Amino acid sequence: MSIATAKRFTIAEYHRLTELGFFNEDDRVELIKGELVKMAAKGTAHSVCETRLERELFI
């Protein structure tokens, strides 16, 4: 029995996958410690916090 190991991507490989169209424009994918991680969509709470933070920083 063999054990499979996950592929760790480099930043260059990640950018190359993007160039080749591996991801759709709507895909929310990030490279974290060599792993491709699908990110959740921003929710209302996130948007509210982001708006408040921007107001504090830029006003």
N, C-alpha and C. Protein backbone atom coordinates (compact mmCIF):
# COMPACT_ATOMS: atom_id res chain seq x y z
N MET A 1 0.84 -1.17 0.00
CA MET A 1 0.00 0.00 0.00
C MET A 1 0.90 1.24 0.00
N SER A 2 0.61 2.16 -0.91
CA SER A 2 1.41 3.39 -0.97
C SER A 2 0.61 4.57 -0.43
N ILE A 3 1.34 5.53 0.09
CA ILE A 3 0.69 6.72 0.64
C ILE A 3 0.90 7.87 -0.34
N ALA A 4 -0.18 8.52 -0.71
CA ALA A 4 -0.11 9.65 -1.64
C ALA A 4 0.19 10.93 -0.85
N THR A 5 1.04 11.76 -1.43
CA THR A 5 1.32 13.05 -0.81
C THR A 5 0.75 14.15 -1.69
N ALA A 6 0.30 15.21 -1.05
CA ALA A 6 -0.30 16.32 -1.78
C ALA A 6 0.78 17.09 -2.54
N LYS A 7 0.44 17.57 -3.72
CA LYS A 7 1.35 18.38 -4.52
C LYS A 7 1.45 19.76 -3.90
N ARG A 8 2.65 20.22 -3.66
CA ARG A 8 2.91 21.57 -3.16
C ARG A 8 3.30 22.42 -4.36
N PHE A 9 2.57 23.49 -4.59
CA PHE A 9 2.82 24.37 -5.72
C PHE A 9 3.73 25.52 -5.32
N THR A 10 4.56 25.96 -6.25
CA THR A 10 5.35 27.16 -6.05
C THR A 10 4.53 28.35 -6.54
N ILE A 11 4.98 29.54 -6.22
CA ILE A 11 4.28 30.74 -6.69
C ILE A 11 4.31 30.79 -8.22
N ALA A 12 5.44 30.43 -8.80
CA ALA A 12 5.56 30.42 -10.26
C ALA A 12 4.57 29.45 -10.90
N GLU A 13 4.42 28.28 -10.31
CA GLU A 13 3.46 27.28 -10.83
C GLU A 13 2.03 27.79 -10.69
N TYR A 14 1.74 28.45 -9.58
CA TYR A 14 0.40 29.01 -9.35
C TYR A 14 0.08 30.06 -10.43
N HIS A 15 1.04 30.96 -10.69
CA HIS A 15 0.82 31.98 -11.71
C HIS A 15 0.69 31.35 -13.10
N ARG A 16 1.44 30.31 -13.34
CA ARG A 16 1.36 29.62 -14.64
C ARG A 16 -0.01 28.96 -14.81
N LEU A 17 -0.54 28.35 -13.77
CA LEU A 17 -1.88 27.77 -13.84
C LEU A 17 -2.92 28.83 -14.17
N THR A 18 -2.75 30.02 -13.59
CA THR A 18 -3.65 31.13 -13.87
C THR A 18 -3.56 31.54 -15.34
N GLU A 19 -2.33 31.66 -15.84
CA GLU A 19 -2.11 32.03 -17.24
C GLU A 19 -2.74 31.02 -18.20
N LEU A 20 -2.67 29.76 -17.84
CA LEU A 20 -3.21 28.69 -18.70
C LEU A 20 -4.72 28.56 -18.62
N GLY A 21 -5.36 29.35 -17.74
CA GLY A 21 -6.81 29.32 -17.63
C GLY A 21 -7.32 28.18 -16.77
N PHE A 22 -6.47 27.68 -15.89
CA PHE A 22 -6.89 26.58 -15.01
C PHE A 22 -8.01 27.02 -14.08
N PHE A 23 -8.01 28.30 -13.70
CA PHE A 23 -9.04 28.85 -12.82
C PHE A 23 -9.97 29.75 -13.62
N ASN A 24 -11.25 29.77 -13.25
CA ASN A 24 -12.21 30.71 -13.83
C ASN A 24 -12.03 32.06 -13.16
N GLU A 25 -12.51 33.12 -13.80
CA GLU A 25 -12.41 34.45 -13.21
C GLU A 25 -13.13 34.53 -11.87
N ASP A 26 -14.20 33.76 -11.72
CA ASP A 26 -15.01 33.80 -10.50
C ASP A 26 -14.42 32.95 -9.37
N ASP A 27 -13.44 32.12 -9.68
CA ASP A 27 -12.85 31.25 -8.65
C ASP A 27 -12.10 32.07 -7.62
N ARG A 28 -12.33 31.76 -6.37
CA ARG A 28 -11.62 32.42 -5.27
C ARG A 28 -10.64 31.39 -4.71
N VAL A 29 -9.47 31.36 -5.30
CA VAL A 29 -8.46 30.38 -4.94
C VAL A 29 -7.20 31.12 -4.50
N GLU A 30 -6.60 30.65 -3.42
CA GLU A 30 -5.35 31.23 -2.93
C GLU A 30 -4.33 30.13 -2.73
N LEU A 31 -3.08 30.52 -2.82
CA LEU A 31 -1.98 29.59 -2.56
C LEU A 31 -1.49 29.84 -1.14
N ILE A 32 -1.68 28.85 -0.28
CA ILE A 32 -1.28 28.97 1.11
C ILE A 32 -0.37 27.80 1.46
N LYS A 33 0.88 28.12 1.78
CA LYS A 33 1.89 27.11 2.11
C LYS A 33 1.97 26.01 1.06
N GLY A 34 1.87 26.42 -0.21
CA GLY A 34 2.01 25.47 -1.31
C GLY A 34 0.74 24.74 -1.69
N GLU A 35 -0.34 24.95 -0.96
CA GLU A 35 -1.61 24.27 -1.25
C GLU A 35 -2.61 25.25 -1.84
N LEU A 36 -3.36 24.78 -2.84
CA LEU A 36 -4.43 25.59 -3.41
C LEU A 36 -5.65 25.47 -2.49
N VAL A 37 -6.11 26.62 -2.01
CA VAL A 37 -7.22 26.64 -1.07
C VAL A 37 -8.36 27.46 -1.65
N LYS A 38 -9.53 26.84 -1.74
CA LYS A 38 -10.71 27.55 -2.23
C LYS A 38 -11.25 28.41 -1.09
N MET A 39 -11.37 29.70 -1.33
CA MET A 39 -11.81 30.63 -0.31
C MET A 39 -13.32 30.82 -0.38
N ALA A 40 -13.93 31.05 0.77
CA ALA A 40 -15.36 31.30 0.82
C ALA A 40 -15.65 32.71 0.31
N ALA A 41 -16.84 32.89 -0.21
CA ALA A 41 -17.26 34.22 -0.65
C ALA A 41 -17.41 35.15 0.54
N LYS A 42 -17.18 36.43 0.30
CA LYS A 42 -17.33 37.40 1.37
C LYS A 42 -18.80 37.48 1.77
N GLY A 43 -19.03 37.49 3.07
CA GLY A 43 -20.39 37.60 3.58
C GLY A 43 -20.69 39.03 4.00
N THR A 44 -21.90 39.25 4.46
CA THR A 44 -22.34 40.58 4.88
C THR A 44 -21.49 41.09 6.04
N ALA A 45 -21.24 40.26 7.04
CA ALA A 45 -20.45 40.69 8.19
C ALA A 45 -19.06 41.14 7.76
N HIS A 46 -18.46 40.43 6.86
CA HIS A 46 -17.13 40.79 6.36
C HIS A 46 -17.19 42.15 5.66
N SER A 47 -18.19 42.34 4.82
CA SER A 47 -18.32 43.59 4.08
C SER A 47 -18.52 44.78 5.01
N VAL A 48 -19.33 44.60 6.04
CA VAL A 48 -19.58 45.68 7.00
C VAL A 48 -18.28 46.04 7.73
N CYS A 49 -17.54 45.06 8.19
CA CYS A 49 -16.27 45.31 8.88
C CYS A 49 -15.28 46.00 7.96
N GLU A 50 -15.22 45.56 6.73
CA GLU A 50 -14.30 46.15 5.76
C GLU A 50 -14.64 47.62 5.51
N THR A 51 -15.92 47.92 5.36
CA THR A 51 -16.36 49.30 5.13
C THR A 51 -16.01 50.19 6.32
N ARG A 52 -16.26 49.70 7.53
CA ARG A 52 -15.95 50.48 8.73
C ARG A 52 -14.45 50.71 8.86
N LEU A 53 -13.66 49.71 8.58
CA LEU A 53 -12.21 49.83 8.66
C LEU A 53 -11.70 50.86 7.64
N GLU A 54 -12.22 50.80 6.43
CA GLU A 54 -11.80 51.75 5.40
C GLU A 54 -12.15 53.17 5.81
N ARG A 55 -13.31 53.37 6.40
CA ARG A 55 -13.70 54.70 6.85
C ARG A 55 -12.73 55.22 7.91
N GLU A 56 -12.32 54.36 8.84
CA GLU A 56 -11.41 54.77 9.90
C GLU A 56 -10.01 55.08 9.36
N LEU A 57 -9.58 54.30 8.40
CA LEU A 57 -8.23 54.48 7.89
C LEU A 57 -8.08 55.65 6.92
N PHE A 58 -9.11 55.91 6.15
CA PHE A 58 -8.97 56.88 5.06
C PHE A 58 -9.70 58.19 5.29
N ILE A 59 -10.33 58.35 6.42
CA ILE A 59 -11.04 59.63 6.68
C ILE A 59 -10.32 60.41 7.77
